[in-house]
């Protein structure tokens, strides 16, 4: 369970450490339908699985939670016992109290700006290994393309190139918090420029802090001044060719169009 504004503020309610929301969905569906087959399907159990979880719960409560009728004038069916009804009612009350508790904590969290902002940044889920948090330090709009600069906490800047239409839709503006997302495969590591200059807008100098070798490629971490880490995916041949090792100076290079910009709605 989570609050709408803080997806990282979560708390799972369980009784006896084992009876969770899915189990009580089964009880509620049983009370509504009188059919274990229908209730099991509604709660995502197999028929056999539903009986097994009901038997396990009865062992905890030391009392049967359901009665099963096998034919007769009224036909067969399954209903909750008095103990089952009491347990279901208690769950619903506890669930309401639990939700109220989470909303109370979310209200407190809203009074803690730094912590609130941190949790909101953490709430984004993406496959991009590099997620750089900062503030927009400059916006340069053009007829078709807009460049946006994001200042990082360590003093570095990242430049993103996006369509002007996208920039208008995001309503980017100076001073706004932003995340710059870059896939590790988009990053080139340079250990010696050999007197050349590169056209790539983003060139972040740091020190190799991690070499995680895989079967075909390696993940290389480059720590920038201030502690920000850039992760690059590099072939093992390139690692061997450059002699990449922890402690070695390196520059992470990537083009502005490789940066995806995210701002809070």
C-alpha atoms as a PDB file:
ATOM      1  CA  UNK A   1       0.000   0.000   0.000  1.00  0.00           C
ATOM      2  CA  UNK A   2       1.327   3.473  -0.813  1.00  0.00           C
ATOM      3  CA  UNK A   3       0.086   7.030  -0.717  1.00  0.00           C
ATOM      4  CA  UNK A   4      -0.622   8.692  -4.086  1.00  0.00           C
ATOM      5  CA  UNK A   5       1.995  11.455  -3.693  1.00  0.00           C
ATOM      6  CA  UNK A   6       4.771   9.345  -2.165  1.00  0.00           C
ATOM      7  CA  UNK A   7       5.102   5.997  -3.947  1.00  0.00           C
ATOM      8  CA  UNK A   8       8.142   5.126  -1.793  1.00  0.00           C
ATOM      9  CA  UNK A   9       6.180   5.529   1.437  1.00  0.00           C
ATOM     10  CA  UNK A  10       4.791   2.043   1.748  1.00  0.00           C
ATOM     11  CA  UNK A  11       3.659  -0.332   4.434  1.00  0.00           C
ATOM     12  CA  UNK A  12       2.320  -3.843   4.057  1.00  0.00           C
ATOM     13  CA  UNK A  13      -0.330  -4.953   6.530  1.00  0.00           C
ATOM     14  CA  UNK A  14      -0.181  -8.593   7.635  1.00  0.00           C
ATOM     15  CA  UNK A  15      -1.774 -10.494  10.472  1.00  0.00           C
ATOM     16  CA  UNK A  16       0.290 -13.114  12.300  1.00  0.00           C
ATOM     17  CA  UNK A  17       3.035 -12.351   9.793  1.00  0.00           C
ATOM     18  CA  UNK A  18       1.305 -14.484   7.131  1.00  0.00           C
ATOM     19  CA  UNK A  19      -2.263 -13.365   6.454  1.00  0.00           C
ATOM     20  CA  UNK A  20      -2.035 -10.622   3.854  1.00  0.00           C
ATOM     21  CA  UNK A  21      -4.353  -8.642   1.629  1.00  0.00           C
ATOM     22  CA  UNK A  22      -4.668 -11.427  -0.925  1.00  0.00           C
ATOM     23  CA  UNK A  23      -5.872 -13.852   1.751  1.00  0.00           C
ATOM     24  CA  UNK A  24      -8.507 -11.404   2.946  1.00  0.00           C
ATOM     25  CA  UNK A  25      -9.569 -10.789  -0.662  1.00  0.00           C
ATOM     26  CA  UNK A  26     -10.334 -14.517  -0.689  1.00  0.00           C
ATOM     27  CA  UNK A  27     -12.429 -14.250   2.472  1.00  0.00           C
ATOM     28  CA  UNK A  28     -14.299 -11.214   1.140  1.00  0.00           C
ATOM     29  CA  UNK A  29     -15.030 -12.966  -2.166  1.00  0.00           C
ATOM     30  CA  UNK A  30     -16.247 -16.035  -0.265  1.00  0.00           C
ATOM     31  CA  UNK A  31     -18.603 -13.911   1.812  1.00  0.00           C
ATOM     32  CA  UNK A  32     -19.945 -12.345  -1.384  1.00  0.00           C
ATOM     33  CA  UNK A  33     -20.275 -15.398  -3.653  1.00  0.00           C
ATOM     34  CA  UNK A  34     -20.601 -18.399  -1.329  1.00  0.00           C
ATOM     35  CA  UNK A  35     -18.416 -20.274  -3.836  1.00  0.00           C
ATOM     36  CA  UNK A  36     -14.796 -21.178  -3.150  1.00  0.00           C
ATOM     37  CA  UNK A  37     -14.175 -21.728  -6.854  1.00  0.00           C
ATOM     38  CA  UNK A  38     -15.346 -18.208  -7.726  1.00  0.00           C
ATOM     39  CA  UNK A  39     -13.597 -16.662  -4.710  1.00  0.00           C
ATOM     40  CA  UNK A  40     -10.309 -18.408  -5.539  1.00  0.00           C
ATOM     41  CA  UNK A  41     -10.432 -17.081  -9.094  1.00  0.00           C
ATOM     42  CA  UNK A  42     -11.196 -13.543  -7.877  1.00  0.00           C
ATOM     43  CA  UNK A  43      -8.273 -13.590  -5.409  1.00  0.00           C
ATOM     44  CA  UNK A  44      -5.821 -15.195  -7.829  1.00  0.00           C
ATOM     45  CA  UNK A  45      -5.625 -18.654  -6.243  1.00  0.00           C
ATOM     46  CA  UNK A  46      -6.141 -22.086  -7.695  1.00  0.00           C
ATOM     47  CA  UNK A  47      -8.974 -24.037  -6.077  1.00  0.00           C
ATOM     48  CA  UNK A  48      -6.480 -26.294  -4.316  1.00  0.00           C
ATOM     49  CA  UNK A  49      -4.306 -23.334  -3.335  1.00  0.00           C
ATOM     50  CA  UNK A  50      -7.302 -21.604  -1.759  1.00  0.00           C
ATOM     51  CA  UNK A  51      -8.046 -24.632   0.421  1.00  0.00           C
ATOM     52  CA  UNK A  52      -4.400 -24.892   1.442  1.00  0.00           C
ATOM     53  CA  UNK A  53      -4.226 -21.246   2.535  1.00  0.00           C
ATOM     54  CA  UNK A  54      -7.541 -21.565   4.387  1.00  0.00           C
ATOM     55  CA  UNK A  55      -6.277 -24.676   6.196  1.00  0.00           C
ATOM     56  CA  UNK A  56      -3.048 -22.870   7.133  1.00  0.00           C
ATOM     57  CA  UNK A  57      -5.047 -19.896   8.458  1.00  0.00           C
ATOM     58  CA  UNK A  58      -7.315 -22.217  10.466  1.00  0.00           C
ATOM     59  CA  UNK A  59      -4.183 -23.689  12.064  1.00  0.00           C
ATOM     60  CA  UNK A  60      -3.185 -20.183  13.154  1.00  0.00           C
ATOM     61  CA  UNK A  61      -6.608 -19.193  14.486  1.00  0.00           C
ATOM     62  CA  UNK A  62      -7.255 -22.688  15.926  1.00  0.00           C
ATOM     63  CA  UNK A  63     -10.781 -22.460  14.538  1.00  0.00           C
ATOM     64  CA  UNK A  64     -12.244 -23.142  11.075  1.00  0.00           C
ATOM     65  CA  UNK A  65     -12.854 -19.990   9.063  1.00  0.00           C
ATOM     66  CA  UNK A  66     -15.188 -21.542   6.471  1.00  0.00           C
ATOM     67  CA  UNK A  67     -17.963 -24.124   6.369  1.00  0.00           C
ATOM     68  CA  UNK A  68     -18.438 -26.250   3.293  1.00  0.00           C
ATOM     69  CA  UNK A  69     -21.882 -27.618   2.447  1.00  0.00           C
ATOM     70  CA  UNK A  70     -22.142 -30.587   0.082  1.00  0.00           C
ATOM     71  CA  UNK A  71     -25.576 -30.466  -1.528  1.00  0.00           C
ATOM     72  CA  UNK A  72     -28.985 -30.537   0.139  1.00  0.00           C
ATOM     73  CA  UNK A  73     -32.116 -28.494  -0.443  1.00  0.00           C
ATOM     74  CA  UNK A  74     -30.167 -25.271  -0.726  1.00  0.00           C
ATOM     75  CA  UNK A  75     -27.376 -26.770  -2.826  1.00  0.00           C
ATOM     76  CA  UNK A  76     -23.667 -26.863  -2.002  1.00  0.00           C
ATOM     77  CA  UNK A  77     -21.432 -23.925  -1.259  1.00  0.00           C
ATOM     78  CA  UNK A  78     -18.893 -22.423   1.111  1.00  0.00           C
ATOM     79  CA  UNK A  79     -19.539 -19.722   3.694  1.00  0.00           C
ATOM     80  CA  UNK A  80     -17.566 -17.966   6.391  1.00  0.00           C
ATOM     81  CA  UNK A  81     -17.915 -19.161   9.946  1.00  0.00           C
ATOM     82  CA  UNK A  82     -18.505 -16.653  12.751  1.00  0.00           C
ATOM     83  CA  UNK A  83     -14.725 -16.652  13.349  1.00  0.00           C
ATOM     84  CA  UNK A  84     -14.109 -15.960   9.654  1.00  0.00           C
ATOM     85  CA  UNK A  85     -16.524 -13.032   9.672  1.00  0.00           C
ATOM     86  CA  UNK A  86     -14.913 -11.587  12.809  1.00  0.00           C
ATOM     87  CA  UNK A  87     -11.452 -11.884  11.253  1.00  0.00           C
ATOM     88  CA  UNK A  88     -12.556 -10.235   7.991  1.00  0.00           C
ATOM     89  CA  UNK A  89     -14.216  -7.352   9.861  1.00  0.00           C
ATOM     90  CA  UNK A  90     -11.076  -6.853  11.965  1.00  0.00           C
ATOM     91  CA  UNK A  91      -8.944  -6.766   8.807  1.00  0.00           C
ATOM     92  CA  UNK A  92     -11.126  -4.109   7.218  1.00  0.00           C
ATOM     93  CA  UNK A  93     -10.911  -1.927  10.320  1.00  0.00           C
ATOM     94  CA  UNK A  94      -7.139  -2.390  10.577  1.00  0.00           C
ATOM     95  CA  UNK A  95      -6.760  -1.626   6.883  1.00  0.00           C
ATOM     96  CA  UNK A  96      -8.624   1.665   7.290  1.00  0.00           C
ATOM     97  CA  UNK A  97      -6.449   2.572  10.292  1.00  0.00           C
ATOM     98  CA  UNK A  98      -3.317   1.611   8.365  1.00  0.00           C
ATOM     99  CA  UNK A  99      -4.281   3.831   5.432  1.00  0.00           C
ATOM    100  CA  UNK A 100      -4.955   6.730   7.799  1.00  0.00           C
ATOM    101  CA  UNK A 101      -1.541   6.186   9.398  1.00  0.00           C
ATOM    102  CA  UNK A 102       0.217   6.336   6.014  1.00  0.00           C
ATOM    103  CA  UNK A 103      -1.600   9.547   5.092  1.00  0.00           C
ATOM    104  CA  UNK A 104      -0.582  11.032   8.444  1.00  0.00           C
ATOM    105  CA  UNK A 105       3.070  10.195   7.763  1.00  0.00           C
ATOM    106  CA  UNK A 106       2.809  11.590   4.236  1.00  0.00           C
ATOM    107  CA  UNK A 107       1.494  14.858   5.686  1.00  0.00           C
ATOM    108  CA  UNK A 108       4.507  14.983   8.016  1.00  0.00           C
ATOM    109  CA  UNK A 109       6.827  14.193   5.124  1.00  0.00           C
ATOM    110  CA  UNK A 110       5.454  17.172   3.203  1.00  0.00           C
ATOM    111  CA  UNK A 111       6.794  19.413   6.002  1.00  0.00           C
ATOM    112  CA  UNK A 112      10.339  18.081   5.402  1.00  0.00           C
ATOM    113  CA  UNK A 113      11.303  19.640   2.033  1.00  0.00           C
ATOM    114  CA  UNK A 114      14.745  18.039   1.678  1.00  0.00           C
ATOM    115  CA  UNK A 115      13.553  14.534   2.545  1.00  0.00           C
ATOM    116  CA  UNK A 116      10.408  14.948   0.471  1.00  0.00           C
ATOM    117  CA  UNK A 117      12.431  15.959  -2.597  1.00  0.00           C
ATOM    118  CA  UNK A 118      14.820  13.054  -2.093  1.00  0.00           C
ATOM    119  CA  UNK A 119      12.006  10.496  -1.977  1.00  0.00           C
ATOM    120  CA  UNK A 120      10.339  11.980  -5.041  1.00  0.00           C
ATOM    121  CA  UNK A 121      13.600  11.658  -6.994  1.00  0.00           C
ATOM    122  CA  UNK A 122      13.906   8.043  -5.870  1.00  0.00           C
ATOM    123  CA  UNK A 123      10.389   7.248  -7.043  1.00  0.00           C
ATOM    124  CA  UNK A 124      11.294   7.274 -10.747  1.00  0.00           C
ATOM    125  CA  UNK A 125      11.989   3.788 -12.114  1.00  0.00           C
ATOM    126  CA  UNK A 126      14.052   3.620 -15.295  1.00  0.00           C
ATOM    127  CA  UNK A 127      16.549   1.322 -17.001  1.00  0.00           C
ATOM    128  CA  UNK A 128      19.035   4.185 -17.481  1.00  0.00           C
ATOM    129  CA  UNK A 129      21.994   3.514 -15.161  1.00  0.00           C
ATOM    130  CA  UNK A 130      22.985   7.156 -14.996  1.00  0.00           C
ATOM    131  CA  UNK A 131      20.514   9.464 -13.295  1.00  0.00           C
ATOM    132  CA  UNK A 132      22.037  12.855 -12.544  1.00  0.00           C
ATOM    133  CA  UNK A 133      20.082  15.184 -10.287  1.00  0.00           C
ATOM    134  CA  UNK A 134      20.572  18.930 -10.537  1.00  0.00           C
ATOM    135  CA  UNK A 135      18.960  22.242 -11.386  1.00  0.00           C
ATOM    136  CA  UNK A 136      18.485  23.748 -14.805  1.00  0.00           C
ATOM    137  CA  UNK A 137      21.102  26.469 -15.166  1.00  0.00           C
ATOM    138  CA  UNK A 138      20.342  27.551 -18.701  1.00  0.00           C
ATOM    139  CA  UNK A 139      17.815  27.141 -21.520  1.00  0.00           C
ATOM    140  CA  UNK A 140      18.697  28.014 -25.107  1.00  0.00           C
ATOM    141  CA  UNK A 141      15.597  27.643 -27.323  1.00  0.00           C
ATOM    142  CA  UNK A 142      15.831  27.354 -31.091  1.00  0.00           C
ATOM    143  CA  UNK A 143      13.325  26.941 -33.913  1.00  0.00           C
ATOM    144  CA  UNK A 144      13.567  23.138 -33.838  1.00  0.00           C
ATOM    145  CA  UNK A 145      15.990  22.224 -31.048  1.00  0.00           C
ATOM    146  CA  UNK A 146      16.433  23.491 -27.499  1.00  0.00           C
ATOM    147  CA  UNK A 147      19.545  22.916 -25.411  1.00  0.00           C
ATOM    148  CA  UNK A 148      19.202  22.715 -21.643  1.00  0.00           C
ATOM    149  CA  UNK A 149      22.064  22.839 -19.157  1.00  0.00           C
ATOM    150  CA  UNK A 150      21.722  21.038 -15.820  1.00  0.00           C
ATOM    151  CA  UNK A 151      24.107  21.992 -13.000  1.00  0.00           C
ATOM    152  CA  UNK A 152      25.078  19.073 -10.765  1.00  0.00           C
ATOM    153  CA  UNK A 153      25.908  19.300  -7.062  1.00  0.00           C
ATOM    154  CA  UNK A 154      29.597  18.639  -7.729  1.00  0.00           C
ATOM    155  CA  UNK A 155      29.893  21.722  -9.939  1.00  0.00           C
ATOM    156  CA  UNK A 156      29.713  19.939 -13.292  1.00  0.00           C
ATOM    157  CA  UNK A 157      27.146  20.693 -15.967  1.00  0.00           C
ATOM    158  CA  UNK A 158      25.321  18.339 -18.308  1.00  0.00           C
ATOM    159  CA  UNK A 159      23.832  19.580 -21.563  1.00  0.00           C
ATOM    160  CA  UNK A 160      20.730  17.971 -23.033  1.00  0.00           C
ATOM    161  CA  UNK A 161      19.453  18.514 -26.555  1.00  0.00           C
ATOM    162  CA  UNK A 162      15.719  18.052 -27.089  1.00  0.00           C
ATOM    163  CA  UNK A 163      13.120  19.219 -29.532  1.00  0.00           C
ATOM    164  CA  UNK A 164      11.697  22.642 -28.860  1.00  0.00           C
ATOM    165  CA  UNK A 165       8.259  21.075 -28.832  1.00  0.00           C
ATOM    166  CA  UNK A 166       9.353  18.744 -26.000  1.00  0.00           C
ATOM    167  CA  UNK A 167      10.932  21.622 -24.101  1.00  0.00           C
ATOM    168  CA  UNK A 168       7.684  23.598 -24.295  1.00  0.00           C
ATOM    169  CA  UNK A 169       5.694  20.573 -23.169  1.00  0.00           C
ATOM    170  CA  UNK A 170       8.014  20.063 -20.174  1.00  0.00           C
ATOM    171  CA  UNK A 171       7.931  23.821 -19.464  1.00  0.00           C
ATOM    172  CA  UNK A 172      11.660  23.811 -18.718  1.00  0.00           C
ATOM    173  CA  UNK A 173      12.946  26.914 -17.002  1.00  0.00           C
ATOM    174  CA  UNK A 174      16.050  28.080 -15.174  1.00  0.00           C
ATOM    175  CA  UNK A 175      16.181  27.046 -11.516  1.00  0.00           C
ATOM    176  CA  UNK A 176      13.920  24.045 -11.994  1.00  0.00           C
ATOM    177  CA  UNK A 177      14.941  20.687 -10.488  1.00  0.00           C
ATOM    178  CA  UNK A 178      15.697  18.107 -13.173  1.00  0.00           C
ATOM    179  CA  UNK A 179      17.041  14.617 -13.756  1.00  0.00           C
ATOM    180  CA  UNK A 180      19.398  13.953 -16.639  1.00  0.00           C
ATOM    181  CA  UNK A 181      19.154  10.300 -17.717  1.00  0.00           C
ATOM    182  CA  UNK A 182      21.907   8.698 -19.782  1.00  0.00           C
ATOM    183  CA  UNK A 183      22.240   5.043 -20.764  1.00  0.00           C
ATOM    184  CA  UNK A 184      25.591   3.489 -19.922  1.00  0.00           C
ATOM    185  CA  UNK A 185      25.953   2.351 -23.548  1.00  0.00           C
ATOM    186  CA  UNK A 186      25.896   5.983 -24.738  1.00  0.00           C
ATOM    187  CA  UNK A 187      29.034   6.901 -22.779  1.00  0.00           C
ATOM    188  CA  UNK A 188      32.523   6.771 -24.289  1.00  0.00           C
ATOM    189  CA  UNK A 189      35.531   6.760 -21.969  1.00  0.00           C
ATOM    190  CA  UNK A 190      38.627   8.690 -22.965  1.00  0.00           C
ATOM    191  CA  UNK A 191      41.935   8.290 -21.125  1.00  0.00           C
ATOM    192  CA  UNK A 192      44.119  10.314 -23.516  1.00  0.00           C
ATOM    193  CA  UNK A 193      42.848  12.945 -25.951  1.00  0.00           C
ATOM    194  CA  UNK A 194      46.169  12.909 -27.810  1.00  0.00           C
ATOM    195  CA  UNK A 195      45.920  16.630 -28.555  1.00  0.00           C
ATOM    196  CA  UNK A 196      42.469  16.350 -30.139  1.00  0.00           C
ATOM    197  CA  UNK A 197      39.240  18.054 -29.107  1.00  0.00           C
ATOM    198  CA  UNK A 198      35.863  16.311 -29.334  1.00  0.00           C
ATOM    199  CA  UNK A 199      32.575  17.755 -30.556  1.00  0.00           C
ATOM    200  CA  UNK A 200      30.545  15.965 -27.859  1.00  0.00           C
ATOM    201  CA  UNK A 201      28.991  18.565 -25.563  1.00  0.00           C
ATOM    202  CA  UNK A 202      29.347  16.528 -22.357  1.00  0.00           C
ATOM    203  CA  UNK A 203      32.877  15.709 -21.156  1.00  0.00           C
ATOM    204  CA  UNK A 204      33.076  14.851 -17.449  1.00  0.00           C
ATOM    205  CA  UNK A 205      36.556  14.214 -16.077  1.00  0.00           C
ATOM    206  CA  UNK A 206      37.032  11.954 -13.088  1.00  0.00           C
ATOM    207  CA  UNK A 207      38.746   8.832 -11.780  1.00  0.00           C
ATOM    208  CA  UNK A 208      37.940   5.193 -12.497  1.00  0.00           C
ATOM    209  CA  UNK A 209      36.450   3.839  -9.253  1.00  0.00           C
ATOM    210  CA  UNK A 210      34.980   0.505 -10.382  1.00  0.00           C
ATOM    211  CA  UNK A 211      35.702  -2.116 -13.027  1.00  0.00           C
ATOM    212  CA  UNK A 212      33.044  -4.832 -13.086  1.00  0.00           C
ATOM    213  CA  UNK A 213      33.989  -7.316 -15.764  1.00  0.00           C
ATOM    214  CA  UNK A 214      31.365  -9.468 -17.478  1.00  0.00           C
ATOM    215  CA  UNK A 215      31.492 -12.188 -20.116  1.00  0.00           C
ATOM    216  CA  UNK A 216      31.507  -9.726 -23.042  1.00  0.00           C
ATOM    217  CA  UNK A 217      31.442  -6.220 -21.615  1.00  0.00           C
ATOM    218  CA  UNK A 218      32.350  -4.417 -18.424  1.00  0.00           C
ATOM    219  CA  UNK A 219      30.701  -1.731 -16.331  1.00  0.00           C
ATOM    220  CA  UNK A 220      33.127   1.050 -15.559  1.00  0.00           C
ATOM    221  CA  UNK A 221      32.395   3.577 -12.818  1.00  0.00           C
ATOM    222  CA  UNK A 222      34.021   7.005 -13.064  1.00  0.00           C
ATOM    223  CA  UNK A 223      33.764   9.155  -9.935  1.00  0.00           C
ATOM    224  CA  UNK A 224      33.617  12.890 -10.553  1.00  0.00           C
ATOM    225  CA  UNK A 225      34.798  15.592  -8.146  1.00  0.00           C
ATOM    226  CA  UNK A 226      32.011  15.910  -5.593  1.00  0.00           C
ATOM    227  CA  UNK A 227      31.200  12.188  -5.613  1.00  0.00           C
ATOM    228  CA  UNK A 228      28.857  11.761  -8.590  1.00  0.00           C
ATOM    229  CA  UNK A 229      29.503   8.446 -10.363  1.00  0.00           C
ATOM    230  CA  UNK A 230      29.143   7.979 -14.128  1.00  0.00           C
ATOM    231  CA  UNK A 231      28.711   4.381 -15.299  1.00  0.00           C
ATOM    232  CA  UNK A 232      29.782   3.326 -18.777  1.00  0.00           C
ATOM    233  CA  UNK A 233      29.275  -0.008 -20.533  1.00  0.00           C
ATOM    234  CA  UNK A 234      32.502  -0.881 -22.351  1.00  0.00           C
ATOM    235  CA  UNK A 235      33.534  -3.986 -24.272  1.00  0.00           C
ATOM    236  CA  UNK A 236      36.163  -6.130 -22.596  1.00  0.00           C
ATOM    237  CA  UNK A 237      38.442  -5.603 -25.599  1.00  0.00           C
ATOM    238  CA  UNK A 238      38.252  -1.843 -25.024  1.00  0.00           C
ATOM    239  CA  UNK A 239      38.951  -2.288 -21.305  1.00  0.00           C
ATOM    240  CA  UNK A 240      42.063  -4.318 -22.132  1.00  0.00           C
ATOM    241  CA  UNK A 241      43.107  -1.934 -24.912  1.00  0.00           C
ATOM    242  CA  UNK A 242      42.881   1.120 -22.649  1.00  0.00           C
ATOM    243  CA  UNK A 243      44.248  -0.750 -19.653  1.00  0.00           C
ATOM    244  CA  UNK A 244      41.370   0.589 -17.561  1.00  0.00           C
ATOM    245  CA  UNK A 245      41.983   0.153 -13.839  1.00  0.00           C
ATOM    246  CA  UNK A 246      40.745   1.647 -10.591  1.00  0.00           C
ATOM    247  CA  UNK A 247      42.519   4.919  -9.819  1.00  0.00           C
ATOM    248  CA  UNK A 248      43.107   5.823 -13.446  1.00  0.00           C
ATOM    249  CA  UNK A 249      42.019   9.271 -14.715  1.00  0.00           C
ATOM    250  CA  UNK A 250      39.278   9.082 -17.341  1.00  0.00           C
ATOM    251  CA  UNK A 251      36.753  11.353 -19.009  1.00  0.00           C
ATOM    252  CA  UNK A 252      33.162  10.256 -19.626  1.00  0.00           C
ATOM    253  CA  UNK A 253      32.031  11.639 -22.974  1.00  0.00           C
ATOM    254  CA  UNK A 254      28.491  11.624 -24.355  1.00  0.00           C
ATOM    255  CA  UNK A 255      26.527  13.727 -26.800  1.00  0.00           C
ATOM    256  CA  UNK A 256      23.769  16.111 -25.760  1.00  0.00           C
ATOM    257  CA  UNK A 257      21.128  14.196 -27.724  1.00  0.00           C
ATOM    258  CA  UNK A 258      21.942  11.084 -25.630  1.00  0.00           C
ATOM    259  CA  UNK A 259      20.585  12.853 -22.543  1.00  0.00           C
ATOM    260  CA  UNK A 260      16.928  12.372 -21.626  1.00  0.00           C
ATOM    261  CA  UNK A 261      15.611  15.170 -19.436  1.00  0.00           C
ATOM    262  CA  UNK A 262      13.023  14.622 -16.710  1.00  0.00           C
ATOM    263  CA  UNK A 263      11.260  17.308 -14.677  1.00  0.00           C
ATOM    264  CA  UNK A 264       8.560  16.916 -12.066  1.00  0.00           C
ATOM    265  CA  UNK A 265       5.044  17.431 -13.345  1.00  0.00           C
END
